Every structure is written in C-alpha cells, then in structure tokens.
C-alpha cells in the first residue's frame, strides 16, 4: 500500500489533464506531470490542507540517455503535518532541458536546483542565482550526464 495515495487521487481530480503517469515504488507514490503544469501542481501540493507538503526534501535529475525525453527531474516532498512523503516528476528533452524553478514555492529548492544544474545541466528557469555549486565556475560540462567522458572533458598528461 502506498504511503500517500490521497495525493495521487487529489491530483487526478484537480488536474486530470496534467497527470500523465502514476506509479509506486517501495510503498511511495509518484506522479509525472508536464513541466508546463509543474508550478500549479506544486502550489496545490503545498497549499492543500489535507496534503500540506510543506517541505521539499530534495530535487535531483535522472539521465535516461539515449531515450527521449532524456531527463527526469524528481521532487521529493514531505508533509511535516501528516508525515507523508510524495514524489513528483517531470520530463524534459535533451534539446530543451529546462524546467521552472520551484524556489518561490519551497525555498529549499535553491541549492538542490543548483546542484542538479551543476551536475546534470538542467536549467531552472526563474531561479534567483543559478550557478555552479559543487564544481569550479570554469568547469566544462556536466559530469553526471551519461554521455560525459569518464576521464573528464580532456585528459591531463
């Protein structure tokens, strides 16, 4: 049994066109929504009094190269009121790896989005300070992408 089936049901009821895929992994529900609907779905998940996902635990990117859409951006949510967890996902292509920033909804997204940008090259439109957070500013490429050379962009001899 999923930990948070109520969130899936409420999202399907409120945004029937936006919920593209539903799943469950190890007792935790997840939903895929288009990036165009991401912000309104996030606001609903935070503001709905029954759900109250008031804490964004993390944001990460997944590279499914060579599949398109290549990237999946995953948002792990937690409710401090109900102690429930929920996973929200959106998918973007390699040609336009951009999603809207959710920093206006959950300020904890700030560094998580920067890390995802730094390591995966996913752009977060509207982020207040989107720059590298782990690698040097002059680093070339995004090392967690599956097509990134294992020995770095060029060898050091």
Foldseek 3Di string as FASTA:
>chain_A
DAQCVVLVVVCCVVPVPFFDDWDDDPRAIETEGALVCVQVSLLCQCPPPVRNQQAWPAWAKDACPPDPQGIKIKTWTAHPVVRTIHIYIYTHRPVQLEHAQCCVRHVVSQVRQLPRCQAPVRHHPPRPDRAHDPDDRPAPDHNVHPPADPCGPDHDD
